[in-house]
Amino acid sequence: MTTYLLLGAAIVLEVFATAMLKASDSFTRPGPALATALGYAASFYCLSLVLRSMPVGVAYAIWSGVGIVITAVVAFVLFGQRLDAPALAGMGLIIAGVLVINLCSATTGHGGAP
């Protein structure tokens, strides 16, 4: 359970840092630029702790996949960025992939057969 809490924190921090990267206006605004650096550093630290008990490929697939989808939602809400149907379909496939990894793969420690 702690592993997934840390992975969730890593994802949230990465999404925050990415939103701040956009808000930093190419690092011309010091506050958001600093928030970007701190957010990414904290995210990678949490991800490094996850890697103690989860295979790197699985952790990275979940971290990046879920991060992509949440970042798209945050970009829509905060910056008005819209996605077309193919982009939404692709994100649906990403979500499906994360679900398959978590529900069916033995590499996560609780999924399907080895």
Protein backbone atom coordinates (compact mmCIF):
# COMPACT_ATOMS: atom_id res chain seq x y z
CA MET A 1 0.00 0.00 0.00
CA THR A 2 2.82 2.41 0.84
CA THR A 3 4.34 1.75 -2.58
CA TYR A 4 1.16 2.89 -4.31
CA LEU A 5 0.84 5.94 -2.07
CA LEU A 6 4.37 6.94 -2.98
CA LEU A 7 3.67 6.28 -6.65
CA GLY A 8 0.55 8.44 -6.40
CA ALA A 9 2.60 11.21 -4.78
CA ALA A 10 5.21 10.93 -7.54
CA ILE A 11 2.47 11.26 -10.17
CA VAL A 12 0.79 14.24 -8.49
CA LEU A 13 4.13 16.01 -8.03
CA GLU A 14 5.08 15.38 -11.66
CA VAL A 15 1.75 16.74 -12.89
CA PHE A 16 2.16 19.79 -10.64
CA ALA A 17 5.70 20.37 -11.94
CA THR A 18 4.54 20.07 -15.55
CA ALA A 19 1.74 22.59 -14.98
CA MET A 20 4.27 24.93 -13.38
CA LEU A 21 6.57 24.42 -16.37
CA LYS A 22 3.83 25.80 -18.61
CA ALA A 23 3.15 28.61 -16.13
CA SER A 24 6.87 29.48 -15.97
CA ASP A 25 6.64 30.83 -19.53
CA SER A 26 9.93 29.24 -20.64
CA PHE A 27 11.50 29.86 -17.21
CA THR A 28 10.98 33.62 -17.44
CA ARG A 29 8.82 33.68 -14.29
CA PRO A 30 10.92 32.78 -11.22
CA GLY A 31 8.15 31.48 -8.95
CA PRO A 32 6.75 28.88 -11.33
CA ALA A 33 10.27 28.03 -12.52
CA LEU A 34 11.33 27.22 -8.95
CA ALA A 35 8.11 25.27 -8.38
CA THR A 36 8.91 23.26 -11.54
CA ALA A 37 12.35 22.28 -10.31
CA LEU A 38 11.17 21.42 -6.80
CA GLY A 39 8.17 19.49 -8.08
CA TYR A 40 10.23 17.35 -10.44
CA ALA A 41 12.89 16.73 -7.77
CA ALA A 42 10.26 15.62 -5.25
CA SER A 43 8.53 13.48 -7.87
CA PHE A 44 11.74 11.67 -8.78
CA TYR A 45 12.55 11.15 -5.12
CA CYS A 46 9.16 9.52 -4.51
CA LEU A 47 9.58 7.44 -7.67
CA SER A 48 13.01 6.30 -6.47
CA LEU A 49 11.41 5.01 -3.26
CA VAL A 50 8.80 3.13 -5.30
CA LEU A 51 11.58 1.37 -7.19
CA ARG A 52 12.66 -0.37 -3.98
CA SER A 53 9.66 -2.66 -4.24
CA MET A 54 8.29 -2.37 -7.79
CA PRO A 55 10.04 -3.22 -11.06
CA VAL A 56 11.26 -0.11 -12.85
CA GLY A 57 9.37 -0.89 -16.07
CA VAL A 58 6.06 -1.31 -14.27
CA ALA A 59 6.56 1.75 -12.06
CA TYR A 60 7.54 3.91 -15.02
CA ALA A 61 4.63 2.68 -17.13
CA ILE A 62 2.14 3.58 -14.40
CA TRP A 63 3.88 6.87 -13.50
CA SER A 64 4.10 8.11 -17.06
CA GLY A 65 0.75 6.73 -18.26
CA VAL A 66 -1.34 8.09 -15.41
CA GLY A 67 0.70 11.30 -15.47
CA ILE A 68 -0.08 11.85 -19.15
CA VAL A 69 -3.81 11.53 -18.62
CA ILE A 70 -3.95 13.71 -15.50
CA THR A 71 -1.71 16.32 -17.14
CA ALA A 72 -4.11 16.50 -20.08
CA VAL A 73 -7.01 17.09 -17.68
CA VAL A 74 -5.07 19.77 -15.78
CA ALA A 75 -4.06 21.44 -19.06
CA PHE A 76 -7.71 21.54 -20.11
CA VAL A 77 -8.86 23.00 -16.78
CA LEU A 78 -6.04 25.49 -16.20
CA PHE A 79 -4.96 26.42 -19.71
CA GLY A 80 -8.03 25.65 -21.85
CA GLN A 81 -6.08 23.14 -23.97
CA ARG A 82 -8.42 20.78 -25.80
CA LEU A 83 -7.79 17.33 -27.21
CA ASP A 84 -9.27 15.83 -30.36
CA ALA A 85 -10.89 12.40 -30.63
CA PRO A 86 -7.71 10.50 -31.58
CA ALA A 87 -5.85 11.99 -28.59
CA LEU A 88 -8.69 11.01 -26.26
CA ALA A 89 -8.77 7.50 -27.76
CA GLY A 90 -5.02 7.19 -27.22
CA MET A 91 -5.40 8.23 -23.61
CA GLY A 92 -8.13 5.64 -23.21
CA LEU A 93 -5.65 3.04 -24.43
CA ILE A 94 -3.08 4.31 -21.92
CA ILE A 95 -5.60 3.89 -19.11
CA ALA A 96 -6.42 0.40 -20.39
CA GLY A 97 -2.72 -0.47 -20.38
CA VAL A 98 -2.25 0.72 -16.81
CA LEU A 99 -5.27 -1.33 -15.74
CA VAL A 100 -3.94 -4.46 -17.48
CA ILE A 101 -0.58 -4.04 -15.75
CA ASN A 102 -2.17 -3.57 -12.33
CA LEU A 103 -4.92 -6.18 -12.57
CA CYS A 104 -3.32 -8.92 -14.64
CA SER A 105 0.45 -8.77 -14.39
CA ALA A 106 2.27 -10.81 -11.77
CA THR A 107 5.11 -8.27 -11.86
CA THR A 108 3.16 -5.89 -9.64
CA GLY A 109 2.98 -8.50 -6.88
CA HIS A 110 -0.80 -8.81 -6.89
CA GLY A 111 -1.86 -9.46 -10.49
CA GLY A 112 -2.26 -12.53 -12.68
CA ALA A 113 -0.25 -15.72 -13.03
CA PRO A 114 3.58 -15.62 -13.08
